[in-house]
Amino acid sequence: MKSQDGDPLLTLNLLNAVEKDSFITQRSMAKDLGIALGLANSYLKRCATKGLIKMQQAPANRYVYYLTPKGFLEKSRLTVQYLSLSFDFFRHARLQCSEVFSKCVENGWSEIALVGVSDLSEIAVLCAHKQPLKLVGVVDDHHSGSVFLDLPVVADVKDFDSLDVVIIMDLVSPQETFEKIKKTFPYDRILAPKMLNISVYIREESSK
């Protein structure tokens, strides 16, 4: 569905392309996205105006593009918006949750907390029963003190005595949740299904 800001899915694909390759040319971007060169140029300018990307001139009359912190958050928001409209959500969610749990098993991480009460975390709980893992609970400050599928819900990851890994399940603002959790928990022990499109590294904007 298009809005006054254009096609959300096209914007999402463009932001993903910029994150993947800062040196991508407009011509190759247009080809990869299957759109006209002029449309790629228009969307790049729109994203720059909205503060989602930065453009810096490089040698040979080229430009370097990179996402701003606002751009990473918008990419995350658009990803969730797209997923909510996808009929394949459950199938993809089940597969990717299983992949994340398999990674935990391979690394010997057994005590796990989910982050966020959501439909995705419900699917994750179902998948976890098939793995030799222990879900200790869910972190969600909006539902703390309650119980979710027999798991205690706490406000902060530090409320658990022992944890090997946390897995983000927040469908509303997964990137912001990741940024918050990594302040108090090792970022290499923070996992998430690929469908949430979380960026582990965000380039800080220049202070100039």
N, C-alpha and C. Protein backbone atom coordinates (compact mmCIF):
# COMPACT_ATOMS: atom_id res chain seq x y z
N MET A 1 0.83 -1.19 0.00
CA MET A 1 0.00 0.00 0.00
C MET A 1 0.87 1.24 0.00
N LYS A 2 0.57 2.17 -0.92
CA LYS A 2 1.34 3.39 -1.02
C LYS A 2 0.73 4.49 -0.16
N SER A 3 1.58 5.41 0.29
CA SER A 3 1.14 6.55 1.07
C SER A 3 1.78 7.78 0.48
N GLN A 4 1.61 8.91 1.17
CA GLN A 4 2.23 10.13 0.68
C GLN A 4 3.74 10.05 0.74
N ASP A 5 4.27 9.08 1.48
CA ASP A 5 5.71 8.88 1.55
C ASP A 5 6.18 7.84 0.53
N GLY A 6 5.27 7.38 -0.33
CA GLY A 6 5.65 6.42 -1.34
C GLY A 6 5.35 4.99 -0.94
N ASP A 7 6.00 4.07 -1.61
CA ASP A 7 5.81 2.64 -1.39
C ASP A 7 6.69 2.18 -0.22
N PRO A 8 6.07 1.75 0.90
CA PRO A 8 6.87 1.34 2.08
C PRO A 8 7.83 0.19 1.78
N LEU A 9 7.37 -0.78 0.96
CA LEU A 9 8.23 -1.92 0.66
C LEU A 9 9.43 -1.50 -0.18
N LEU A 10 9.22 -0.57 -1.12
CA LEU A 10 10.33 -0.07 -1.93
C LEU A 10 11.32 0.70 -1.05
N THR A 11 10.80 1.48 -0.13
CA THR A 11 11.66 2.21 0.80
C THR A 11 12.48 1.23 1.64
N LEU A 12 11.83 0.17 2.12
CA LEU A 12 12.51 -0.85 2.92
C LEU A 12 13.62 -1.50 2.11
N ASN A 13 13.32 -1.88 0.88
CA ASN A 13 14.33 -2.52 0.03
C ASN A 13 15.50 -1.59 -0.25
N LEU A 14 15.20 -0.31 -0.43
CA LEU A 14 16.26 0.66 -0.67
C LEU A 14 17.16 0.81 0.57
N LEU A 15 16.56 0.89 1.74
CA LEU A 15 17.34 1.00 2.97
C LEU A 15 18.20 -0.24 3.18
N ASN A 16 17.65 -1.41 2.86
CA ASN A 16 18.43 -2.64 2.98
C ASN A 16 19.60 -2.64 2.00
N ALA A 17 19.38 -2.11 0.80
CA ALA A 17 20.44 -2.05 -0.21
C ALA A 17 21.57 -1.13 0.23
N VAL A 18 21.22 0.00 0.82
CA VAL A 18 22.22 0.96 1.30
C VAL A 18 23.02 0.36 2.45
N GLU A 19 22.33 -0.33 3.36
CA GLU A 19 23.04 -0.93 4.49
C GLU A 19 24.01 -2.00 4.00
N LYS A 20 23.60 -2.76 3.01
CA LYS A 20 24.43 -3.84 2.48
C LYS A 20 25.66 -3.33 1.75
N ASP A 21 25.52 -2.21 1.03
CA ASP A 21 26.64 -1.70 0.23
C ASP A 21 26.56 -0.18 0.15
N SER A 22 27.39 0.50 0.95
CA SER A 22 27.38 1.96 0.99
C SER A 22 27.85 2.57 -0.33
N PHE A 23 28.61 1.79 -1.12
CA PHE A 23 29.16 2.31 -2.37
C PHE A 23 28.31 1.95 -3.59
N ILE A 24 27.11 1.46 -3.34
CA ILE A 24 26.24 1.07 -4.44
C ILE A 24 25.89 2.30 -5.29
N THR A 25 25.85 2.11 -6.60
CA THR A 25 25.48 3.21 -7.49
C THR A 25 23.97 3.21 -7.68
N GLN A 26 23.46 4.36 -8.06
CA GLN A 26 22.03 4.45 -8.30
C GLN A 26 21.60 3.52 -9.42
N ARG A 27 22.45 3.37 -10.42
CA ARG A 27 22.11 2.50 -11.55
C ARG A 27 22.01 1.03 -11.12
N SER A 28 22.99 0.58 -10.35
CA SER A 28 22.95 -0.81 -9.91
C SER A 28 21.83 -1.03 -8.89
N MET A 29 21.54 -0.01 -8.08
CA MET A 29 20.44 -0.10 -7.13
C MET A 29 19.11 -0.26 -7.87
N ALA A 30 18.93 0.57 -8.91
CA ALA A 30 17.70 0.51 -9.70
C ALA A 30 17.54 -0.88 -10.33
N LYS A 31 18.66 -1.42 -10.83
CA LYS A 31 18.62 -2.75 -11.44
C LYS A 31 18.27 -3.82 -10.42
N ASP A 32 18.89 -3.76 -9.25
CA ASP A 32 18.65 -4.77 -8.21
C ASP A 32 17.20 -4.72 -7.71
N LEU A 33 16.65 -3.51 -7.63
CA LEU A 33 15.29 -3.34 -7.11
C LEU A 33 14.24 -3.47 -8.20
N GLY A 34 14.67 -3.52 -9.44
CA GLY A 34 13.73 -3.66 -10.54
C GLY A 34 12.90 -2.42 -10.79
N ILE A 35 13.51 -1.23 -10.63
CA ILE A 35 12.80 0.02 -10.83
C ILE A 35 13.59 0.91 -11.78
N ALA A 36 12.97 1.99 -12.25
CA ALA A 36 13.64 2.92 -13.15
C ALA A 36 14.69 3.72 -12.39
N LEU A 37 15.73 4.14 -13.10
CA LEU A 37 16.80 4.91 -12.49
C LEU A 37 16.27 6.18 -11.84
N GLY A 38 15.36 6.86 -12.52
CA GLY A 38 14.79 8.09 -11.98
C GLY A 38 14.04 7.86 -10.68
N LEU A 39 13.37 6.70 -10.57
CA LEU A 39 12.63 6.39 -9.35
C LEU A 39 13.59 6.11 -8.20
N ALA A 40 14.69 5.42 -8.49
CA ALA A 40 15.70 5.16 -7.46
C ALA A 40 16.26 6.47 -6.94
N ASN A 41 16.55 7.39 -7.86
CA ASN A 41 17.07 8.71 -7.48
C ASN A 41 16.07 9.46 -6.61
N SER A 42 14.79 9.39 -7.00
CA SER A 42 13.74 10.08 -6.26
C SER A 42 13.61 9.55 -4.84
N TYR A 43 13.67 8.22 -4.68
CA TYR A 43 13.53 7.61 -3.35
C TYR A 43 14.76 7.88 -2.49
N LEU A 44 15.93 7.91 -3.10
CA LEU A 44 17.14 8.25 -2.34
C LEU A 44 17.05 9.66 -1.79
N LYS A 45 16.60 10.60 -2.63
CA LYS A 45 16.47 11.99 -2.19
C LYS A 45 15.41 12.11 -1.10
N ARG A 46 14.32 11.34 -1.24
CA ARG A 46 13.26 11.38 -0.24
C ARG A 46 13.78 10.87 1.10
N CYS A 47 14.53 9.76 1.06
CA CYS A 47 15.08 9.20 2.29
C CYS A 47 16.10 10.15 2.93
N ALA A 48 16.87 10.83 2.09
CA ALA A 48 17.85 11.79 2.61
C ALA A 48 17.14 12.97 3.26
N THR A 49 16.08 13.45 2.64
CA THR A 49 15.31 14.57 3.19
C THR A 49 14.69 14.21 4.53
N LYS A 50 14.25 12.97 4.66
CA LYS A 50 13.63 12.51 5.91
C LYS A 50 14.67 12.16 6.97
N GLY A 51 15.96 12.25 6.62
CA GLY A 51 17.02 11.96 7.58
C GLY A 51 17.29 10.49 7.78
N LEU A 52 16.87 9.65 6.80
CA LEU A 52 17.07 8.21 6.93
C LEU A 52 18.43 7.76 6.41
N ILE A 53 18.98 8.51 5.45
CA ILE A 53 20.30 8.18 4.93
C ILE A 53 21.13 9.45 4.81
N LYS A 54 22.43 9.26 4.80
CA LYS A 54 23.38 10.35 4.55
C LYS A 54 24.07 10.07 3.22
N MET A 55 24.37 11.14 2.50
CA MET A 55 25.08 10.99 1.24
C MET A 55 26.36 11.82 1.31
N GLN A 56 27.48 11.20 1.00
CA GLN A 56 28.76 11.90 0.99
C GLN A 56 29.42 11.70 -0.37
N GLN A 57 29.99 12.79 -0.89
CA GLN A 57 30.62 12.71 -2.21
C GLN A 57 31.94 11.96 -2.11
N ALA A 58 32.16 11.10 -3.08
CA ALA A 58 33.39 10.30 -3.15
C ALA A 58 34.11 10.65 -4.45
N PRO A 59 35.35 10.16 -4.61
CA PRO A 59 36.08 10.43 -5.86
C PRO A 59 35.32 9.96 -7.10
N ALA A 60 35.69 10.52 -8.23
CA ALA A 60 35.11 10.15 -9.54
C ALA A 60 33.63 10.46 -9.61
N ASN A 61 33.25 11.58 -8.97
CA ASN A 61 31.86 12.04 -9.03
C ASN A 61 30.86 10.99 -8.56
N ARG A 62 31.25 10.22 -7.56
CA ARG A 62 30.35 9.22 -7.01
C ARG A 62 29.92 9.64 -5.61
N TYR A 63 28.96 8.90 -5.07
CA TYR A 63 28.48 9.18 -3.72
C TYR A 63 28.53 7.92 -2.88
N VAL A 64 28.72 8.13 -1.59
CA VAL A 64 28.66 7.04 -0.62
C VAL A 64 27.40 7.25 0.21
N TYR A 65 26.62 6.20 0.38
CA TYR A 65 25.38 6.29 1.13
C TYR A 65 25.49 5.44 2.40
N TYR A 66 24.94 5.93 3.48
CA TYR A 66 24.86 5.10 4.67
C TYR A 66 23.65 5.49 5.49
N LEU A 67 23.13 4.50 6.24
CA LEU A 67 21.95 4.75 7.05
C LEU A 67 22.29 5.54 8.30
N THR A 68 21.41 6.42 8.68
CA THR A 68 21.53 7.14 9.93
C THR A 68 20.85 6.30 11.02
N PRO A 69 21.05 6.64 12.29
CA PRO A 69 20.31 5.92 13.34
C PRO A 69 18.81 5.95 13.10
N LYS A 70 18.30 7.07 12.61
CA LYS A 70 16.88 7.17 12.29
C LYS A 70 16.53 6.22 11.16
N GLY A 71 17.45 6.05 10.21
CA GLY A 71 17.23 5.15 9.10
C GLY A 71 17.15 3.70 9.54
N PHE A 72 18.01 3.30 10.49
CA PHE A 72 17.97 1.94 11.01
C PHE A 72 16.63 1.67 11.71
N LEU A 73 16.16 2.65 12.47
CA LEU A 73 14.89 2.47 13.17
C LEU A 73 13.73 2.39 12.18
N GLU A 74 13.78 3.20 11.13
CA GLU A 74 12.72 3.16 10.12
C GLU A 74 12.75 1.83 9.36
N LYS A 75 13.95 1.32 9.09
CA LYS A 75 14.07 0.03 8.43
C LYS A 75 13.43 -1.06 9.28
N SER A 76 13.67 -0.99 10.57
CA SER A 76 13.09 -1.96 11.48
C SER A 76 11.56 -1.84 11.51
N ARG A 77 11.07 -0.60 11.55
CA ARG A 77 9.62 -0.37 11.60
C ARG A 77 8.94 -0.88 10.32
N LEU A 78 9.54 -0.59 9.18
CA LEU A 78 8.97 -1.02 7.91
C LEU A 78 8.99 -2.54 7.77
N THR A 79 10.04 -3.16 8.33
CA THR A 79 10.12 -4.62 8.30
C THR A 79 8.95 -5.23 9.05
N VAL A 80 8.68 -4.71 10.24
CA VAL A 80 7.56 -5.21 11.05
C VAL A 80 6.24 -4.96 10.33
N GLN A 81 6.11 -3.79 9.72
CA GLN A 81 4.88 -3.45 8.98
C GLN A 81 4.66 -4.45 7.84
N TYR A 82 5.73 -4.77 7.14
CA TYR A 82 5.63 -5.72 6.03
C TYR A 82 5.29 -7.11 6.53
N LEU A 83 5.92 -7.51 7.62
CA LEU A 83 5.67 -8.85 8.16
C LEU A 83 4.23 -9.01 8.61
N SER A 84 3.65 -7.95 9.18
CA SER A 84 2.29 -8.03 9.69
C SER A 84 1.29 -8.25 8.57
N LEU A 85 1.68 -7.93 7.33
CA LEU A 85 0.80 -8.10 6.19
C LEU A 85 1.10 -9.39 5.41
N SER A 86 2.09 -10.11 5.88
CA SER A 86 2.51 -11.30 5.15
C SER A 86 1.74 -12.54 5.60
N PHE A 87 1.17 -13.25 4.64
CA PHE A 87 0.44 -14.48 4.95
C PHE A 87 1.39 -15.60 5.35
N ASP A 88 2.66 -15.43 5.06
CA ASP A 88 3.63 -16.47 5.38
C ASP A 88 4.29 -16.24 6.73
N PHE A 89 3.74 -15.33 7.52
CA PHE A 89 4.38 -14.97 8.78
C PHE A 89 4.63 -16.18 9.68
N PHE A 90 3.60 -16.98 9.92
CA PHE A 90 3.76 -18.11 10.84
C PHE A 90 4.81 -19.09 10.36
N ARG A 91 4.77 -19.42 9.07
CA ARG A 91 5.73 -20.38 8.53
C ARG A 91 7.16 -19.87 8.66
N HIS A 92 7.38 -18.61 8.30
CA HIS A 92 8.72 -18.03 8.41
C HIS A 92 9.15 -17.91 9.87
N ALA A 93 8.22 -17.51 10.71
CA ALA A 93 8.53 -17.33 12.13
C ALA A 93 8.95 -18.65 12.77
N ARG A 94 8.20 -19.70 12.49
CA ARG A 94 8.52 -21.01 13.06
C ARG A 94 9.89 -21.50 12.60
N LEU A 95 10.17 -21.34 11.32
CA LEU A 95 11.46 -21.78 10.78
C LEU A 95 12.61 -20.99 11.38
N GLN A 96 12.47 -19.68 11.45
CA GLN A 96 13.57 -18.84 11.93
C GLN A 96 13.76 -18.95 13.44
N CYS A 97 12.69 -19.16 14.17
CA CYS A 97 12.84 -19.38 15.62
C CYS A 97 13.59 -20.69 15.86
N SER A 98 13.27 -21.69 15.08
CA SER A 98 13.96 -22.98 15.21
C SER A 98 15.44 -22.83 14.89
N GLU A 99 15.76 -22.00 13.89
CA GLU A 99 17.17 -21.76 13.53
C GLU A 99 17.91 -21.08 14.67
N VAL A 100 17.27 -20.12 15.31
CA VAL A 100 17.90 -19.42 16.43
C VAL A 100 18.14 -20.38 17.59
N PHE A 101 17.16 -21.21 17.90
CA PHE A 101 17.32 -22.17 19.00
C PHE A 101 18.40 -23.20 18.67
N SER A 102 18.49 -23.60 17.42
CA SER A 102 19.54 -24.55 17.02
C SER A 102 20.92 -23.95 17.25
N LYS A 103 21.04 -22.64 16.98
CA LYS A 103 22.31 -21.95 17.22
C LYS A 103 22.65 -21.97 18.70
N CYS A 104 21.64 -21.80 19.53
CA CYS A 104 21.86 -21.83 20.97
C CYS A 104 22.37 -23.21 21.41
N VAL A 105 21.76 -24.25 20.88
CA VAL A 105 22.16 -25.61 21.22
C VAL A 105 23.60 -25.86 20.78
N GLU A 106 23.95 -25.43 19.58
CA GLU A 106 25.30 -25.63 19.05
C GLU A 106 26.35 -24.93 19.91
N ASN A 107 25.98 -23.80 20.50
CA ASN A 107 26.93 -23.04 21.31
C ASN A 107 26.85 -23.38 22.80
N GLY A 108 25.98 -24.30 23.15
CA GLY A 108 25.87 -24.70 24.54
C GLY A 108 25.16 -23.69 25.42
N TRP A 109 24.34 -22.84 24.80
CA TRP A 109 23.57 -21.85 25.55
C TRP A 109 22.22 -22.45 25.89
N SER A 110 21.99 -22.70 27.15
CA SER A 110 20.76 -23.42 27.54
C SER A 110 19.73 -22.55 28.25
N GLU A 111 20.18 -21.55 29.00
CA GLU A 111 19.24 -20.70 29.74
C GLU A 111 18.94 -19.44 28.92
N ILE A 112 17.69 -19.33 28.49
CA ILE A 112 17.32 -18.30 27.52
C ILE A 112 16.12 -17.50 27.99
N ALA A 113 16.16 -16.21 27.70
CA ALA A 113 15.01 -15.34 27.96
C ALA A 113 14.57 -14.73 26.64
N LEU A 114 13.27 -14.66 26.44
CA LEU A 114 12.72 -13.97 25.29
C LEU A 114 12.50 -12.51 25.65
N VAL A 115 12.59 -11.64 24.66
CA VAL A 115 12.39 -10.21 24.92
C VAL A 115 11.19 -9.73 24.11
N GLY A 116 10.11 -9.46 24.80
CA GLY A 116 8.91 -8.97 24.14
C GLY A 116 7.78 -9.99 24.13
N VAL A 117 6.63 -9.59 24.63
CA VAL A 117 5.42 -10.41 24.56
C VAL A 117 4.75 -10.12 23.23
N SER A 118 4.68 -11.14 22.37
CA SER A 118 4.12 -10.93 21.03
C SER A 118 3.69 -12.26 20.42
N ASP A 119 3.09 -12.20 19.24
CA ASP A 119 2.74 -13.43 18.53
C ASP A 119 3.99 -14.22 18.19
N LEU A 120 5.08 -13.50 17.93
CA LEU A 120 6.34 -14.16 17.59
C LEU A 120 6.90 -14.93 18.79
N SER A 121 6.78 -14.36 19.98
CA SER A 121 7.28 -15.05 21.17
C SER A 121 6.43 -16.28 21.48
N GLU A 122 5.16 -16.23 21.13
CA GLU A 122 4.30 -17.40 21.32
C GLU A 122 4.75 -18.54 20.42
N ILE A 123 5.09 -18.22 19.19
CA ILE A 123 5.60 -19.22 18.25
C ILE A 123 6.94 -19.77 18.75
N ALA A 124 7.76 -18.87 19.31
CA ALA A 124 9.07 -19.28 19.82
C ALA A 124 8.93 -20.28 20.97
N VAL A 125 7.97 -20.05 21.84
CA VAL A 125 7.76 -20.97 22.97
C VAL A 125 7.40 -22.36 22.45
N LEU A 126 6.56 -22.40 21.43
CA LEU A 126 6.18 -23.69 20.85
C LEU A 126 7.40 -24.40 20.24
N CYS A 127 8.25 -23.64 19.59
CA CYS A 127 9.45 -24.22 18.96
C CYS A 127 10.47 -24.68 20.00
N ALA A 128 10.56 -23.97 21.11
CA ALA A 128 11.56 -24.27 22.13
C ALA A 128 11.33 -25.63 22.77
N HIS A 129 10.08 -26.09 22.80
CA HIS A 129 9.78 -27.37 23.44
C HIS A 129 10.44 -28.53 22.71
N LYS A 130 10.84 -28.30 21.46
CA LYS A 130 11.47 -29.36 20.67
C LYS A 130 12.99 -29.36 20.81
N GLN A 131 13.52 -28.44 21.63
CA GLN A 131 14.96 -28.32 21.79
C GLN A 131 15.36 -28.53 23.25
N PRO A 132 16.59 -29.00 23.52
CA PRO A 132 17.05 -29.19 24.90
C PRO A 132 17.46 -27.85 25.53
N LEU A 133 16.47 -26.97 25.70
CA LEU A 133 16.72 -25.63 26.20
C LEU A 133 15.79 -25.33 27.37
N LYS A 134 16.15 -24.28 28.09
CA LYS A 134 15.31 -23.83 29.20
C LYS A 134 14.95 -22.36 28.99
N LEU A 135 13.68 -22.10 28.76
CA LEU A 135 13.22 -20.71 28.70
C LEU A 135 12.92 -20.27 30.12
N VAL A 136 13.69 -19.29 30.60
CA VAL A 136 13.53 -18.87 31.99
C VAL A 136 12.44 -17.82 32.15
N GLY A 137 12.08 -17.14 31.05
CA GLY A 137 11.04 -16.13 31.15
C GLY A 137 11.07 -15.15 29.99
N VAL A 138 10.30 -14.09 30.14
CA VAL A 138 10.17 -13.06 29.12
C VAL A 138 10.46 -11.70 29.72
N VAL A 139 11.19 -10.88 28.97
CA VAL A 139 11.48 -9.51 29.40
C VAL A 139 10.56 -8.56 28.64
N ASP A 140 9.71 -7.84 29.38
CA ASP A 140 8.80 -6.88 28.76
C ASP A 140 8.28 -5.95 29.85
N ASP A 141 8.77 -4.73 29.89
CA ASP A 141 8.40 -3.83 30.97
C ASP A 141 6.93 -3.41 30.92
N HIS A 142 6.27 -3.63 29.79
CA HIS A 142 4.85 -3.30 29.69
C HIS A 142 3.95 -4.39 30.26
N HIS A 143 4.50 -5.58 30.45
CA HIS A 143 3.71 -6.70 30.97
C HIS A 143 4.36 -7.34 32.20
N SER A 144 5.32 -6.66 32.81
CA SER A 144 6.03 -7.23 33.95
C SER A 144 5.07 -7.56 35.10
N GLY A 145 5.37 -8.66 35.78
CA GLY A 145 4.54 -9.11 36.88
C GLY A 145 3.46 -10.09 36.45
N SER A 146 3.31 -10.27 35.15
CA SER A 146 2.31 -11.20 34.64
C SER A 146 2.98 -12.52 34.26
N VAL A 147 2.20 -13.41 33.67
CA VAL A 147 2.70 -14.70 33.20
C VAL A 147 2.31 -14.86 31.74
N PHE A 148 3.26 -15.32 30.92
CA PHE A 148 3.02 -15.51 29.49
C PHE A 148 3.34 -16.95 29.15
N LEU A 149 2.31 -17.74 28.83
CA LEU A 149 2.48 -19.16 28.50
C LEU A 149 3.31 -19.89 29.57
N ASP A 150 2.93 -19.66 30.81
CA ASP A 150 3.57 -20.28 31.99
C ASP A 150 4.97 -19.74 32.27
N LEU A 151 5.38 -18.68 31.57
CA LEU A 151 6.68 -18.07 31.81
C LEU A 151 6.52 -16.75 32.54
N PRO A 152 7.35 -16.48 33.54
CA PRO A 152 7.26 -15.19 34.24
C PRO A 152 7.71 -14.04 33.34
N VAL A 153 7.05 -12.92 33.45
CA VAL A 153 7.41 -11.74 32.67
C VAL A 153 8.00 -10.71 33.62
N VAL A 154 9.22 -10.27 33.31
CA VAL A 154 9.91 -9.30 34.16
C VAL A 154 10.17 -8.01 33.37
N ALA A 155 10.55 -6.98 34.10
CA ALA A 155 10.73 -5.68 33.46
C ALA A 155 12.10 -5.49 32.84
N ASP A 156 13.12 -6.19 33.37
CA ASP A 156 14.49 -5.96 32.93
C ASP A 156 15.24 -7.27 32.85
N VAL A 157 16.16 -7.36 31.89
CA VAL A 157 16.95 -8.58 31.73
C VAL A 157 17.76 -8.88 32.98
N LYS A 158 18.10 -7.86 33.75
CA LYS A 158 18.88 -8.05 34.98
C LYS A 158 18.06 -8.69 36.10
N ASP A 159 16.75 -8.83 35.89
CA ASP A 159 15.90 -9.47 36.90
C ASP A 159 16.09 -10.97 36.95
N PHE A 160 16.76 -11.53 35.95
CA PHE A 160 17.05 -12.96 35.96
C PHE A 160 18.44 -13.20 36.55
N ASP A 161 18.57 -14.20 37.41
CA ASP A 161 19.84 -14.48 38.07
C ASP A 161 20.89 -14.98 37.10
N SER A 162 20.48 -15.80 36.14
CA SER A 162 21.44 -16.41 35.23
C SER A 162 20.84 -16.52 33.83
N LEU A 163 21.60 -16.07 32.83
CA LEU A 163 21.15 -16.13 31.45
C LEU A 163 22.34 -16.40 30.53
N ASP A 164 22.15 -17.26 29.56
CA ASP A 164 23.18 -17.47 28.55
C ASP A 164 22.95 -16.57 27.35
N VAL A 165 21.70 -16.34 27.02
CA VAL A 165 21.39 -15.57 25.82
C VAL A 165 19.97 -15.01 25.93
N VAL A 166 19.73 -13.90 25.24
CA VAL A 166 18.37 -13.36 25.14
C VAL A 166 18.02 -13.32 23.65
N ILE A 167 16.75 -13.53 23.36
CA ILE A 167 16.28 -13.54 21.97
C ILE A 167 15.16 -12.52 21.82
N ILE A 168 15.36 -11.57 20.95
CA ILE A 168 14.38 -10.51 20.76
C ILE A 168 13.18 -11.02 19.97
N MET A 169 11.99 -10.75 20.50
CA MET A 169 10.74 -11.17 19.88
C MET A 169 9.79 -9.98 19.71
N ASP A 170 10.28 -8.80 19.96
CA ASP A 170 9.46 -7.59 19.89
C ASP A 170 9.08 -7.29 18.45
N LEU A 171 7.78 -7.24 18.16
CA LEU A 171 7.31 -6.95 16.81
C LEU A 171 6.98 -5.48 16.59
N VAL A 172 7.05 -4.69 17.64
CA VAL A 172 6.69 -3.28 17.53
C VAL A 172 7.90 -2.41 17.20
N SER A 173 8.96 -2.56 17.96
CA SER A 173 10.17 -1.76 17.74
C SER A 173 11.41 -2.60 18.06
N PRO A 174 11.68 -3.62 17.25
CA PRO A 174 12.79 -4.54 17.55
C PRO A 174 14.16 -3.89 17.58
N GLN A 175 14.43 -2.92 16.68
CA GLN A 175 15.74 -2.27 16.67
C GLN A 175 15.96 -1.47 17.95
N GLU A 176 14.96 -0.73 18.38
CA GLU A 176 15.07 0.03 19.62
C GLU A 176 15.25 -0.90 20.81
N THR A 177 14.57 -2.01 20.80
CA THR A 177 14.70 -2.99 21.88
C THR A 177 16.11 -3.54 21.93
N PHE A 178 16.68 -3.85 20.76
CA PHE A 178 18.06 -4.34 20.70
C PHE A 178 19.02 -3.30 21.27
N GLU A 179 18.85 -2.04 20.87
CA GLU A 179 19.74 -0.97 21.36
C GLU A 179 19.65 -0.83 22.87
N LYS A 180 18.46 -1.03 23.42
CA LYS A 180 18.28 -0.91 24.87
C LYS A 180 18.92 -2.09 25.60
N ILE A 181 18.68 -3.30 25.09
CA ILE A 181 19.18 -4.50 25.76
C ILE A 181 20.70 -4.56 25.74
N LYS A 182 21.33 -4.13 24.65
CA LYS A 182 22.79 -4.27 24.54
C LYS A 182 23.54 -3.36 25.51
N LYS A 183 22.84 -2.43 26.14
CA LYS A 183 23.49 -1.56 27.14
C LYS A 183 23.78 -2.31 28.43
N THR A 184 23.05 -3.40 28.67
CA THR A 184 23.23 -4.14 29.92
C THR A 184 23.51 -5.63 29.70
N PHE A 185 23.58 -6.05 28.42
CA PHE A 185 23.79 -7.46 28.13
C PHE A 185 24.73 -7.57 26.93
N PRO A 186 25.66 -8.54 26.95
CA PRO A 186 26.63 -8.66 25.84
C PRO A 186 25.91 -8.77 24.49
N TYR A 187 26.27 -7.89 23.56
CA TYR A 187 25.54 -7.85 22.29
C TYR A 187 25.70 -9.12 21.48
N ASP A 188 26.82 -9.86 21.69
CA ASP A 188 27.00 -11.11 20.94
C ASP A 188 26.18 -12.25 21.52
N ARG A 189 25.49 -11.99 22.62
CA ARG A 189 24.58 -12.98 23.19
C ARG A 189 23.12 -12.53 23.02
N ILE A 190 22.91 -11.55 22.17
CA ILE A 190 21.55 -11.10 21.85
C ILE A 190 21.21 -11.59 20.45
N LEU A 191 20.25 -12.47 20.35
CA LEU A 191 19.87 -13.05 19.08
C LEU A 191 18.47 -12.59 18.68
N ALA A 192 18.11 -12.87 17.43
CA ALA A 192 16.78 -12.51 16.94
C ALA A 192 16.52 -13.24 15.64
N PRO A 193 15.29 -13.58 15.35
CA PRO A 193 14.98 -14.16 14.04
C PRO A 193 15.35 -13.16 12.94
N LYS A 194 15.83 -13.66 11.81
CA LYS A 194 16.26 -12.79 10.73
C LYS A 194 15.15 -11.87 10.24
N MET A 195 13.91 -12.32 10.33
CA MET A 195 12.79 -11.55 9.82
C MET A 195 12.63 -10.18 10.50
N LEU A 196 13.19 -10.02 11.69
CA LEU A 196 13.10 -8.73 12.37
C LEU A 196 14.08 -7.71 11.80
N ASN A 197 15.02 -8.19 11.00
CA ASN A 197 15.91 -7.28 10.25
C ASN A 197 16.67 -6.32 11.17
N ILE A 198 17.13 -6.82 12.29
CA ILE A 198 17.85 -5.99 13.25
C ILE A 198 19.29 -5.78 12.79
N SER A 199 19.75 -4.56 12.86
CA SER A 199 21.14 -4.22 12.52
C SER A 199 21.96 -4.20 13.80
N VAL A 200 22.97 -5.06 13.85
CA VAL A 200 23.80 -5.15 15.06
C VAL A 200 24.67 -3.93 15.23
N TYR A 201 25.14 -3.38 14.10
CA TYR A 201 26.03 -2.21 14.15
C TYR A 201 25.35 -1.02 13.52
N ILE A 202 25.27 0.06 14.26
CA ILE A 202 24.70 1.30 13.73
C ILE A 202 25.78 2.37 13.73
N ARG A 203 26.03 2.93 12.57
CA ARG A 203 27.04 4.00 12.47
C ARG A 203 26.47 5.27 13.08
N GLU A 204 27.23 5.84 13.99
CA GLU A 204 26.79 7.07 14.66
C GLU A 204 26.89 8.24 13.70
N GLU A 205 25.94 9.17 13.81
CA GLU A 205 25.98 10.37 12.99
C GLU A 205 27.11 11.27 13.43
N SER A 206 27.67 11.97 12.50
CA SER A 206 28.75 12.91 12.82
C SER A 206 28.22 14.00 13.72
N SER A 207 29.01 14.39 14.68
CA SER A 207 28.60 15.44 15.60
C SER A 207 28.80 16.83 15.01
N LYS A 208 29.40 16.87 13.82
CA LYS A 208 29.66 18.16 13.19
C LYS A 208 28.38 18.71 12.58
